[in-house]
N, C-alpha and C. Protein backbone atom coordinates (compact mmCIF):
# COMPACT_ATOMS: atom_id res chain seq x y z
N MET A 1 -23.63 3.15 32.23
CA MET A 1 -23.58 3.97 33.20
C MET A 1 -22.62 5.39 33.78
N PRO A 2 -23.47 5.89 34.14
CA PRO A 2 -21.99 7.49 34.18
C PRO A 2 -21.47 7.24 35.37
N THR A 3 -20.60 8.50 34.92
CA THR A 3 -19.62 8.85 36.13
C THR A 3 -19.49 9.11 37.66
N ALA A 4 -18.99 8.41 38.66
CA ALA A 4 -19.10 8.27 40.03
C ALA A 4 -20.22 9.48 40.13
N GLU A 5 -19.43 10.82 39.96
CA GLU A 5 -19.82 12.12 40.30
C GLU A 5 -21.44 12.98 39.72
N ARG A 6 -21.17 12.11 38.51
CA ARG A 6 -22.73 12.70 37.56
C ARG A 6 -23.64 11.93 38.04
N ALA A 7 -23.69 10.61 38.61
CA ALA A 7 -24.14 9.81 39.47
C ALA A 7 -24.53 10.04 40.30
N ALA A 8 -24.03 10.85 40.96
CA ALA A 8 -24.00 11.11 42.35
C ALA A 8 -25.02 12.86 42.44
N LYS A 9 -25.02 13.47 41.46
CA LYS A 9 -25.45 15.05 40.95
C LYS A 9 -26.68 14.18 40.75
N ASN A 10 -26.75 13.40 39.83
CA ASN A 10 -28.41 12.93 39.57
C ASN A 10 -29.22 12.42 40.46
N GLU A 11 -28.32 11.41 41.11
CA GLU A 11 -29.43 11.21 42.88
C GLU A 11 -29.27 11.85 43.37
N SER A 12 -28.89 13.11 44.08
CA SER A 12 -28.96 14.02 44.70
C SER A 12 -30.23 14.93 44.30
N LEU A 13 -30.33 15.10 42.83
CA LEU A 13 -31.73 15.62 42.30
C LEU A 13 -32.91 14.89 42.79
N PHE A 14 -32.91 13.64 42.54
CA PHE A 14 -33.84 12.72 42.70
C PHE A 14 -34.08 12.73 44.05
N ARG A 15 -33.57 13.24 45.13
CA ARG A 15 -33.45 12.79 46.48
C ARG A 15 -34.15 14.13 46.48
N GLU A 16 -33.59 15.16 46.19
CA GLU A 16 -34.77 16.72 46.50
C GLU A 16 -35.94 16.59 46.03
N VAL A 17 -36.40 15.83 44.82
CA VAL A 17 -37.67 15.79 44.49
C VAL A 17 -38.57 14.66 45.10
N ASN A 18 -37.85 13.77 45.83
CA ASN A 18 -38.44 12.83 46.69
C ASN A 18 -38.88 13.47 48.41
N GLU A 19 -37.91 14.43 48.75
CA GLU A 19 -38.44 15.23 49.69
C GLU A 19 -39.44 15.88 49.95
N ARG A 20 -39.57 16.37 48.53
CA ARG A 20 -40.30 17.63 48.50
C ARG A 20 -41.77 16.49 48.46
N ILE A 21 -41.72 15.54 47.49
CA ILE A 21 -43.25 15.04 47.51
C ILE A 21 -43.55 14.55 49.23
N ALA A 22 -42.35 13.79 49.93
CA ALA A 22 -42.99 14.00 51.43
C ALA A 22 -42.58 14.73 51.92
N GLU A 23 -42.41 15.55 51.95
CA GLU A 23 -42.92 16.98 52.79
C GLU A 23 -44.63 17.82 52.57
N LEU A 24 -44.94 17.43 50.98
CA LEU A 24 -46.12 17.76 50.46
C LEU A 24 -47.82 16.61 51.14
N GLN A 25 -47.23 15.46 51.18
CA GLN A 25 -47.72 14.47 51.78
C GLN A 25 -48.09 14.85 53.09
N GLU A 26 -47.07 15.06 54.12
CA GLU A 26 -47.57 15.55 55.20
C GLU A 26 -48.05 16.99 55.26
N ASP A 27 -47.94 17.86 54.49
CA ASP A 27 -48.50 19.43 54.91
C ASP A 27 -49.92 18.96 54.92
N PHE A 28 -50.51 17.59 53.41
CA PHE A 28 -51.64 17.78 53.05
C PHE A 28 -52.33 16.58 54.32
N GLY A 29 -51.54 16.19 55.72
CA GLY A 29 -52.16 15.33 56.43
C GLY A 29 -51.83 13.80 56.36
N LYS A 30 -51.22 13.48 55.26
CA LYS A 30 -50.90 11.99 54.76
C LYS A 30 -49.87 11.61 55.03
N ALA A 31 -49.27 11.88 56.35
CA ALA A 31 -48.27 11.20 57.29
C ALA A 31 -48.08 9.86 57.13
N TYR A 32 -48.85 9.06 57.10
CA TYR A 32 -48.80 7.59 57.17
C TYR A 32 -49.39 6.86 56.20
N GLY A 33 -49.66 7.95 54.99
CA GLY A 33 -50.30 7.53 53.59
C GLY A 33 -48.96 6.49 52.69
N ARG A 34 -49.35 6.38 52.14
CA ARG A 34 -48.47 5.92 50.79
C ARG A 34 -48.34 7.28 49.37
N ALA A 35 -46.98 7.15 49.15
CA ALA A 35 -46.73 8.25 48.13
C ALA A 35 -46.23 7.97 46.84
N HIS A 36 -46.12 8.04 45.98
CA HIS A 36 -45.17 7.99 44.81
C HIS A 36 -43.77 8.67 44.71
N PHE A 37 -42.47 8.16 44.70
CA PHE A 37 -41.47 8.37 44.88
C PHE A 37 -40.80 8.06 43.60
N ILE A 38 -39.64 8.78 42.71
CA ILE A 38 -39.09 8.71 41.76
C ILE A 38 -37.65 7.76 42.09
N CYS A 39 -37.20 7.08 41.45
CA CYS A 39 -36.39 5.47 41.85
C CYS A 39 -34.84 6.76 41.62
N GLU A 40 -34.21 6.83 43.22
CA GLU A 40 -33.06 7.26 42.94
C GLU A 40 -31.80 6.74 42.63
N CYS A 41 -31.69 6.14 41.31
CA CYS A 41 -30.88 5.38 40.96
C CYS A 41 -29.79 6.31 39.95
N SER A 42 -28.55 5.59 39.73
CA SER A 42 -27.82 6.81 38.90
C SER A 42 -28.27 6.29 37.57
N TYR A 43 -29.29 6.53 37.01
CA TYR A 43 -29.70 5.89 35.34
C TYR A 43 -30.40 7.08 34.86
N LEU A 44 -29.64 8.22 34.35
CA LEU A 44 -30.13 9.62 33.99
C LEU A 44 -31.63 9.80 33.32
N GLU A 45 -31.73 8.06 32.80
CA GLU A 45 -33.07 8.44 31.83
C GLU A 45 -34.23 8.27 33.19
N CYS A 46 -33.76 7.44 34.01
CA CYS A 46 -35.11 6.67 34.53
C CYS A 46 -35.80 7.19 35.23
N THR A 47 -36.98 7.28 34.99
CA THR A 47 -38.25 7.84 35.54
C THR A 47 -39.29 6.45 36.56
N THR A 48 -38.99 5.64 36.93
CA THR A 48 -39.94 4.54 37.61
C THR A 48 -40.24 5.18 38.98
N ARG A 49 -41.07 5.22 39.06
CA ARG A 49 -41.49 5.50 40.25
C ARG A 49 -41.96 3.96 41.47
N LEU A 50 -41.87 4.89 42.61
CA LEU A 50 -42.18 3.20 43.59
C LEU A 50 -42.84 3.92 44.87
N GLU A 51 -43.88 3.23 45.38
CA GLU A 51 -44.90 3.61 46.27
C GLU A 51 -43.69 2.82 47.25
N LEU A 52 -44.15 4.09 48.16
CA LEU A 52 -43.80 3.69 49.78
C LEU A 52 -44.21 4.21 50.48
N ARG A 53 -44.70 3.82 51.80
CA ARG A 53 -45.07 4.59 52.63
C ARG A 53 -44.06 5.49 52.99
N LEU A 54 -44.69 6.98 53.72
CA LEU A 54 -43.58 7.77 54.14
C LEU A 54 -43.02 7.76 55.20
N ASP A 55 -43.14 6.96 56.09
CA ASP A 55 -42.56 6.51 57.19
C ASP A 55 -41.28 5.19 56.89
N GLU A 56 -41.30 4.41 55.52
CA GLU A 56 -40.40 3.96 55.12
C GLU A 56 -39.98 4.77 54.33
N TYR A 57 -39.82 5.70 53.41
CA TYR A 57 -39.26 6.85 52.93
C TYR A 57 -37.92 7.48 54.07
N ALA A 58 -38.86 7.67 55.08
CA ALA A 58 -38.09 8.78 56.20
C ALA A 58 -37.32 7.97 57.04
N GLU A 59 -37.06 6.70 56.78
CA GLU A 59 -36.34 5.50 57.54
C GLU A 59 -34.76 5.09 56.42
N VAL A 60 -35.21 5.39 55.23
CA VAL A 60 -34.32 5.15 54.31
C VAL A 60 -33.56 6.76 54.08
N ARG A 61 -34.05 7.48 54.15
CA ARG A 61 -32.96 9.17 54.37
C ARG A 61 -32.63 9.11 55.62
N SER A 62 -32.75 8.49 56.78
CA SER A 62 -32.33 8.38 58.28
C SER A 62 -30.49 8.19 57.47
N VAL A 63 -30.69 7.63 56.45
CA VAL A 63 -28.86 6.93 56.44
C VAL A 63 -28.45 7.80 55.31
N ARG A 64 -27.31 8.90 55.74
CA ARG A 64 -27.50 9.95 54.15
C ARG A 64 -27.01 8.81 52.92
N THR A 65 -26.34 8.08 52.97
CA THR A 65 -25.61 7.32 51.93
C THR A 65 -26.81 6.13 51.49
N HIS A 66 -27.82 5.88 51.70
CA HIS A 66 -29.03 4.94 51.46
C HIS A 66 -29.81 5.76 50.81
N PHE A 67 -30.20 5.07 49.43
CA PHE A 67 -30.77 5.55 48.63
C PHE A 67 -32.27 4.42 47.88
N VAL A 68 -33.07 4.84 47.50
CA VAL A 68 -34.60 3.65 47.32
C VAL A 68 -34.05 3.64 45.98
N VAL A 69 -34.26 2.16 45.13
CA VAL A 69 -34.55 2.44 43.80
C VAL A 69 -35.14 1.33 43.41
N ALA A 70 -35.74 0.76 41.90
CA ALA A 70 -36.29 -0.29 41.75
C ALA A 70 -34.90 -1.15 41.56
N ALA A 71 -36.31 -2.22 41.50
CA ALA A 71 -35.50 -3.39 41.36
C ALA A 71 -34.78 -3.95 40.17
N GLY A 72 -33.52 -4.05 39.98
CA GLY A 72 -32.57 -3.91 38.77
C GLY A 72 -31.90 -2.57 38.40
N HIS A 73 -31.48 -1.82 39.65
CA HIS A 73 -31.47 -0.55 38.98
C HIS A 73 -30.30 -0.27 40.57
N ALA A 74 -30.22 -1.08 40.54
CA ALA A 74 -28.46 -1.13 41.43
C ALA A 74 -27.07 -0.96 41.01
N ASP A 75 -26.43 -0.08 41.30
CA ASP A 75 -25.16 0.05 40.19
C ASP A 75 -24.01 -0.65 41.05
N GLU A 76 -24.17 -1.87 40.53
CA GLU A 76 -23.21 -3.13 41.85
C GLU A 76 -21.56 -2.19 41.88
N GLU A 77 -21.04 -1.41 40.71
CA GLU A 77 -20.03 -1.07 41.15
C GLU A 77 -19.61 -0.49 42.39
N ASN A 78 -20.40 0.74 42.57
CA ASN A 78 -20.32 1.56 43.38
C ASN A 78 -21.46 1.64 44.72
N GLU A 79 -22.25 0.60 44.90
CA GLU A 79 -23.44 0.30 46.31
C GLU A 79 -23.62 -0.86 46.24
N ARG A 80 -24.05 -1.06 47.66
CA ARG A 80 -24.46 -2.82 47.82
C ARG A 80 -25.68 -2.49 48.24
N VAL A 81 -26.82 -3.81 47.91
CA VAL A 81 -28.55 -3.53 48.58
C VAL A 81 -28.11 -4.23 49.99
N VAL A 82 -28.79 -3.10 50.78
CA VAL A 82 -28.55 -3.27 52.17
C VAL A 82 -30.01 -3.45 52.67
N ARG A 83 -31.80 -3.69 51.58
CA ARG A 83 -32.55 -4.09 52.29
C ARG A 83 -33.78 -4.37 50.65
N ARG A 84 -34.33 -5.07 50.93
CA ARG A 84 -34.59 -5.80 49.54
C ARG A 84 -36.41 -6.13 49.83
N THR A 85 -37.20 -5.23 49.33
CA THR A 85 -38.67 -5.47 49.17
C THR A 85 -39.38 -5.91 47.75
N ASP A 86 -40.85 -6.12 48.10
CA ASP A 86 -41.02 -6.55 47.12
C ASP A 86 -41.31 -5.43 45.86
N ARG A 87 -41.52 -4.25 46.86
CA ARG A 87 -41.70 -2.44 45.89
C ARG A 87 -41.09 -2.51 45.35
N TYR A 88 -39.16 -2.22 46.50
CA TYR A 88 -38.35 -1.67 45.95
C TYR A 88 -37.11 -1.67 46.96
N LEU A 89 -35.56 -1.27 46.53
CA LEU A 89 -34.89 -1.73 46.98
C LEU A 89 -34.01 -0.22 47.78
N VAL A 90 -33.06 -0.69 48.60
CA VAL A 90 -32.29 0.23 49.62
C VAL A 90 -30.98 -0.16 49.24
N VAL A 91 -30.56 0.91 48.59
CA VAL A 91 -28.93 0.71 48.38
C VAL A 91 -27.99 1.66 49.33
N GLU A 92 -26.67 1.32 49.26
CA GLU A 92 -26.04 2.33 50.60
C GLU A 92 -25.07 2.26 49.23
N LYS A 93 -24.59 3.72 48.86
CA LYS A 93 -23.55 4.09 48.18
C LYS A 93 -21.89 3.56 49.11
N GLU A 94 -21.08 3.08 48.69
CA GLU A 94 -20.06 2.79 48.37
C GLU A 94 -18.64 3.61 47.98
N GLY A 95 -17.74 3.54 48.50
CA GLY A 95 -16.15 4.38 47.86
C GLY A 95 -16.73 5.81 47.90
N LEU A 96 -15.89 6.36 46.63
CA LEU A 96 -16.13 7.69 45.92
C LEU A 96 -17.58 7.82 45.94
N ALA A 97 -18.62 7.47 45.30
CA ALA A 97 -20.01 7.48 45.27
C ALA A 97 -20.51 7.73 46.71
N GLY A 98 -20.13 7.45 47.95
CA GLY A 98 -20.23 7.55 49.27
C GLY A 98 -19.98 8.52 49.83
N VAL A 99 -18.22 9.48 49.46
CA VAL A 99 -17.94 10.29 49.65
C VAL A 99 -18.81 11.57 48.81
N LEU A 100 -19.00 11.32 47.72
CA LEU A 100 -19.51 12.43 47.12
C LEU A 100 -20.86 12.97 47.72
N VAL A 101 -21.61 11.43 48.25
CA VAL A 101 -22.72 11.85 48.91
C VAL A 101 -22.79 12.75 50.22
N ASP A 102 -22.46 11.94 50.83
CA ASP A 102 -21.37 12.69 52.16
C ASP A 102 -21.45 14.37 51.96
N ASP A 103 -20.38 14.55 50.68
CA ASP A 103 -19.78 15.89 50.68
C ASP A 103 -21.26 16.78 50.01
N GLY A 104 -22.37 16.29 49.61
CA GLY A 104 -23.40 16.71 49.54
C GLY A 104 -23.82 16.76 48.23
N GLY A 105 -22.74 15.93 47.32
CA GLY A 105 -23.01 15.46 45.86
C GLY A 105 -22.51 16.80 45.33
């Protein structure tokens, strides 16, 4: 498991990529369709793709400390699972990880 600072930077990068995916989907008129997003976990080598509706992803993003991750990818030391679905988990960053996310990673 990477350090909290490195994990926050990694997660922020994946979040930026996912925000761009959502923007592109909306630009092409697919605002209510599904898209494949990258798991926003702290594992540096992770490339797991998660299928979410754009409104689902927007809901996750409405809380700055929430991230979408694959089942089994939650970092129990720095986050807690706040929602489970059959396709993904939503985790909330806590402690130093939450502060780093609030500060922009």
